[in-house]
Amino acid sequence: MSDKRVLVVDDDADLREVIVLALRDAGLEVDEASDGLRALDMLAAGLRPSLILVDLVMPVLDGRAFIRKLGNFGPQVAQTPVLVLTASSRPVLPGDVPVLGKPFDAFELVRRVNEILGLPQHAVAC
């Protein structure tokens, strides 16, 4: 597993593209899924990201259900850090899952991702 691989799970294709470009420009490896079910399929196929960015409101399988199902993949996946992206001002989430409100600035997104991954802030620019 690369310590710089991020899985982006969001049903908004335009927003997902912005996120993917910002993270790739920051030197991160990025995989993407349009809903929680597709992301679970990717994990079942062996994808092991070092961070998962997930929207809460999505069709097929929403972010809350997706987060709950991460435990089904064993400790390596269950312990993968998750950053929730949401337009909701007060989402109710399990544990201490960090939240980044939409809309967000690409610089702030990259800063938060680097912080969670323990990567140097100066090494990343959008």
C-alpha atoms as a PDB file:
ATOM      1  CA  MET A   1       0.000   0.000   0.000  1.00  0.00           C
ATOM      2  CA  SER A   2       1.332   3.412  -0.942  1.00  0.00           C
ATOM      3  CA  ASP A   3       1.210   5.958   1.875  1.00  0.00           C
ATOM      4  CA  LYS A   4       0.024   8.435  -0.746  1.00  0.00           C
ATOM      5  CA  ARG A   5      -2.998   6.611  -2.248  1.00  0.00           C
ATOM      6  CA  VAL A   6      -6.421   8.228  -1.801  1.00  0.00           C
ATOM      7  CA  LEU A   7      -9.818   6.808  -2.724  1.00  0.00           C
ATOM      8  CA  VAL A   8     -12.345   9.532  -3.620  1.00  0.00           C
ATOM      9  CA  VAL A   9     -16.005   8.490  -3.359  1.00  0.00           C
ATOM     10  CA  ASP A  10     -18.480  11.104  -4.597  1.00  0.00           C
ATOM     11  CA  ASP A  11     -21.424  10.941  -6.992  1.00  0.00           C
ATOM     12  CA  ASP A  12     -20.839  14.448  -8.364  1.00  0.00           C
ATOM     13  CA  ALA A  13     -18.570  13.802 -11.369  1.00  0.00           C
ATOM     14  CA  ASP A  14     -17.513  17.454 -11.712  1.00  0.00           C
ATOM     15  CA  LEU A  15     -16.570  17.784  -8.055  1.00  0.00           C
ATOM     16  CA  ARG A  16     -14.835  14.404  -8.121  1.00  0.00           C
ATOM     17  CA  GLU A  17     -12.761  15.595 -11.094  1.00  0.00           C
ATOM     18  CA  VAL A  18     -11.703  18.745  -9.216  1.00  0.00           C
ATOM     19  CA  ILE A  19     -10.733  16.688  -6.167  1.00  0.00           C
ATOM     20  CA  VAL A  20      -8.815  14.128  -8.232  1.00  0.00           C
ATOM     21  CA  LEU A  21      -6.897  16.827 -10.130  1.00  0.00           C
ATOM     22  CA  ALA A  22      -5.979  18.704  -6.943  1.00  0.00           C
ATOM     23  CA  LEU A  23      -4.752  15.540  -5.237  1.00  0.00           C
ATOM     24  CA  ARG A  24      -2.808  14.323  -8.271  1.00  0.00           C
ATOM     25  CA  ASP A  25      -1.227  17.771  -8.663  1.00  0.00           C
ATOM     26  CA  ALA A  26      -0.175  17.365  -5.030  1.00  0.00           C
ATOM     27  CA  GLY A  27       1.670  14.172  -5.925  1.00  0.00           C
ATOM     28  CA  LEU A  28      -0.870  11.704  -4.567  1.00  0.00           C
ATOM     29  CA  GLU A  29      -2.129   8.546  -6.249  1.00  0.00           C
ATOM     30  CA  VAL A  30      -5.905   8.724  -6.627  1.00  0.00           C
ATOM     31  CA  ASP A  31      -8.637   6.177  -7.310  1.00  0.00           C
ATOM     32  CA  GLU A  32     -12.249   7.214  -7.678  1.00  0.00           C
ATOM     33  CA  ALA A  33     -15.733   5.788  -7.316  1.00  0.00           C
ATOM     34  CA  SER A  34     -19.123   7.329  -8.042  1.00  0.00           C
ATOM     35  CA  ASP A  35     -20.889   5.719  -5.066  1.00  0.00           C
ATOM     36  CA  GLY A  36     -20.253   3.676  -1.963  1.00  0.00           C
ATOM     37  CA  LEU A  37     -21.078   0.336  -3.576  1.00  0.00           C
ATOM     38  CA  ARG A  38     -18.506   0.850  -6.338  1.00  0.00           C
ATOM     39  CA  ALA A  39     -15.949   1.831  -3.713  1.00  0.00           C
ATOM     40  CA  LEU A  40     -16.695  -1.317  -1.709  1.00  0.00           C
ATOM     41  CA  ASP A  41     -16.214  -3.372  -4.882  1.00  0.00           C
ATOM     42  CA  MET A  42     -12.803  -1.750  -5.357  1.00  0.00           C
ATOM     43  CA  LEU A  43     -11.832  -2.581  -1.781  1.00  0.00           C
ATOM     44  CA  ALA A  44     -13.071  -6.148  -2.236  1.00  0.00           C
ATOM     45  CA  ALA A  45     -10.846  -6.393  -5.325  1.00  0.00           C
ATOM     46  CA  GLY A  46      -7.821  -5.518  -3.192  1.00  0.00           C
ATOM     47  CA  LEU A  47      -7.501  -1.729  -3.322  1.00  0.00           C
ATOM     48  CA  ARG A  48      -5.851  -0.523  -0.108  1.00  0.00           C
ATOM     49  CA  PRO A  49      -5.841   3.280   0.045  1.00  0.00           C
ATOM     50  CA  SER A  50      -4.153   5.150   2.828  1.00  0.00           C
ATOM     51  CA  LEU A  51      -7.112   7.580   3.039  1.00  0.00           C
ATOM     52  CA  ILE A  52     -10.725   7.553   1.867  1.00  0.00           C
ATOM     53  CA  LEU A  53     -12.577  10.786   1.015  1.00  0.00           C
ATOM     54  CA  VAL A  54     -16.304  10.111   0.982  1.00  0.00           C
ATOM     55  CA  ASP A  55     -19.418  12.172   0.351  1.00  0.00           C
ATOM     56  CA  LEU A  56     -22.327  11.502   2.707  1.00  0.00           C
ATOM     57  CA  VAL A  57     -25.219  11.900   0.280  1.00  0.00           C
ATOM     58  CA  MET A  58     -24.937   9.517  -2.679  1.00  0.00           C
ATOM     59  CA  PRO A  59     -27.242   7.129  -4.503  1.00  0.00           C
ATOM     60  CA  VAL A  60     -26.922   3.336  -4.246  1.00  0.00           C
ATOM     61  CA  LEU A  61     -24.895   3.367  -0.993  1.00  0.00           C
ATOM     62  CA  ASP A  62     -24.444   6.593   0.954  1.00  0.00           C
ATOM     63  CA  GLY A  63     -21.386   7.650   2.914  1.00  0.00           C
ATOM     64  CA  ARG A  64     -22.689   6.622   6.345  1.00  0.00           C
ATOM     65  CA  ALA A  65     -23.498   3.086   5.173  1.00  0.00           C
ATOM     66  CA  PHE A  66     -20.170   2.911   3.347  1.00  0.00           C
ATOM     67  CA  ILE A  67     -18.253   3.858   6.508  1.00  0.00           C
ATOM     68  CA  ARG A  68     -20.145   1.218   8.520  1.00  0.00           C
ATOM     69  CA  LYS A  69     -19.259  -1.471   5.957  1.00  0.00           C
ATOM     70  CA  LEU A  70     -15.515  -0.748   6.010  1.00  0.00           C
ATOM     71  CA  GLY A  71     -15.172  -3.063   9.004  1.00  0.00           C
ATOM     72  CA  ASN A  72     -16.224  -6.009   6.836  1.00  0.00           C
ATOM     73  CA  PHE A  73     -12.834  -5.906   5.094  1.00  0.00           C
ATOM     74  CA  GLY A  74     -10.662  -6.617   8.112  1.00  0.00           C
ATOM     75  CA  PRO A  75      -8.517  -4.388  10.280  1.00  0.00           C
ATOM     76  CA  GLN A  76      -6.339  -2.932   7.513  1.00  0.00           C
ATOM     77  CA  VAL A  77      -9.321  -1.387   5.725  1.00  0.00           C
ATOM     78  CA  ALA A  78     -11.347  -0.746   8.880  1.00  0.00           C
ATOM     79  CA  GLN A  79      -8.494   1.386  10.237  1.00  0.00           C
ATOM     80  CA  THR A  80      -8.085   3.403   7.035  1.00  0.00           C
ATOM     81  CA  PRO A  81      -8.603   7.082   7.836  1.00  0.00           C
ATOM     82  CA  VAL A  82     -11.773   8.589   6.396  1.00  0.00           C
ATOM     83  CA  LEU A  83     -12.425  12.256   5.621  1.00  0.00           C
ATOM     84  CA  VAL A  84     -16.086  13.065   5.013  1.00  0.00           C
ATOM     85  CA  LEU A  85     -17.010  15.690   2.432  1.00  0.00           C
ATOM     86  CA  THR A  86     -20.458  17.129   3.001  1.00  0.00           C
ATOM     87  CA  ALA A  87     -22.681  20.146   2.543  1.00  0.00           C
ATOM     88  CA  SER A  88     -24.448  19.269   5.807  1.00  0.00           C
ATOM     89  CA  SER A  89     -23.544  21.664   8.596  1.00  0.00           C
ATOM     90  CA  ARG A  90     -23.831  19.082  11.386  1.00  0.00           C
ATOM     91  CA  PRO A  91     -23.473  15.533  10.132  1.00  0.00           C
ATOM     92  CA  VAL A  92     -23.927  12.761  12.679  1.00  0.00           C
ATOM     93  CA  LEU A  93     -21.043  10.349  12.155  1.00  0.00           C
ATOM     94  CA  PRO A  94     -19.595   7.386  13.989  1.00  0.00           C
ATOM     95  CA  GLY A  95     -16.525   8.003  16.122  1.00  0.00           C
ATOM     96  CA  ASP A  96     -14.352  10.995  15.439  1.00  0.00           C
ATOM     97  CA  VAL A  97     -14.495  11.013  11.646  1.00  0.00           C
ATOM     98  CA  PRO A  98     -13.199  14.378  10.393  1.00  0.00           C
ATOM     99  CA  VAL A  99     -15.418  16.472   8.135  1.00  0.00           C
ATOM    100  CA  LEU A 100     -14.632  18.981   5.392  1.00  0.00           C
ATOM    101  CA  GLY A 101     -17.603  21.138   4.468  1.00  0.00           C
ATOM    102  CA  LYS A 102     -18.677  21.755   0.886  1.00  0.00           C
ATOM    103  CA  PRO A 103     -17.910  23.989  -0.833  1.00  0.00           C
ATOM    104  CA  PHE A 104     -14.231  23.811   0.033  1.00  0.00           C
ATOM    105  CA  ASP A 105     -11.044  25.301  -1.300  1.00  0.00           C
ATOM    106  CA  ALA A 106      -8.668  22.901  -3.105  1.00  0.00           C
ATOM    107  CA  PHE A 107      -5.751  24.173  -1.017  1.00  0.00           C
ATOM    108  CA  GLU A 108      -7.662  23.376   2.191  1.00  0.00           C
ATOM    109  CA  LEU A 109      -8.532  19.912   0.870  1.00  0.00           C
ATOM    110  CA  VAL A 110      -4.885  19.143   0.088  1.00  0.00           C
ATOM    111  CA  ARG A 111      -3.790  20.566   3.440  1.00  0.00           C
ATOM    112  CA  ARG A 112      -6.262  18.355   5.326  1.00  0.00           C
ATOM    113  CA  VAL A 113      -5.319  15.269   3.309  1.00  0.00           C
ATOM    114  CA  ASN A 114      -1.615  15.849   3.950  1.00  0.00           C
ATOM    115  CA  GLU A 115      -2.300  16.414   7.627  1.00  0.00           C
ATOM    116  CA  ILE A 116      -4.204  13.131   7.940  1.00  0.00           C
ATOM    117  CA  LEU A 117      -1.558  11.228   5.967  1.00  0.00           C
ATOM    118  CA  GLY A 118       1.273  12.828   7.930  1.00  0.00           C
ATOM    119  CA  LEU A 119       2.829  14.291   4.787  1.00  0.00           C
ATOM    120  CA  PRO A 120       4.746  17.578   4.733  1.00  0.00           C
ATOM    121  CA  GLN A 121       2.583  20.561   3.900  1.00  0.00           C
ATOM    122  CA  HIS A 122       5.238  22.326   1.854  1.00  0.00           C
ATOM    123  CA  ALA A 123       5.510  19.429  -0.588  1.00  0.00           C
ATOM    124  CA  VAL A 124       2.048  20.032  -1.959  1.00  0.00           C
ATOM    125  CA  ALA A 125       0.731  22.776  -4.175  1.00  0.00           C
ATOM    126  CA  CYS A 126      -2.449  23.126  -6.208  1.00  0.00           C
END
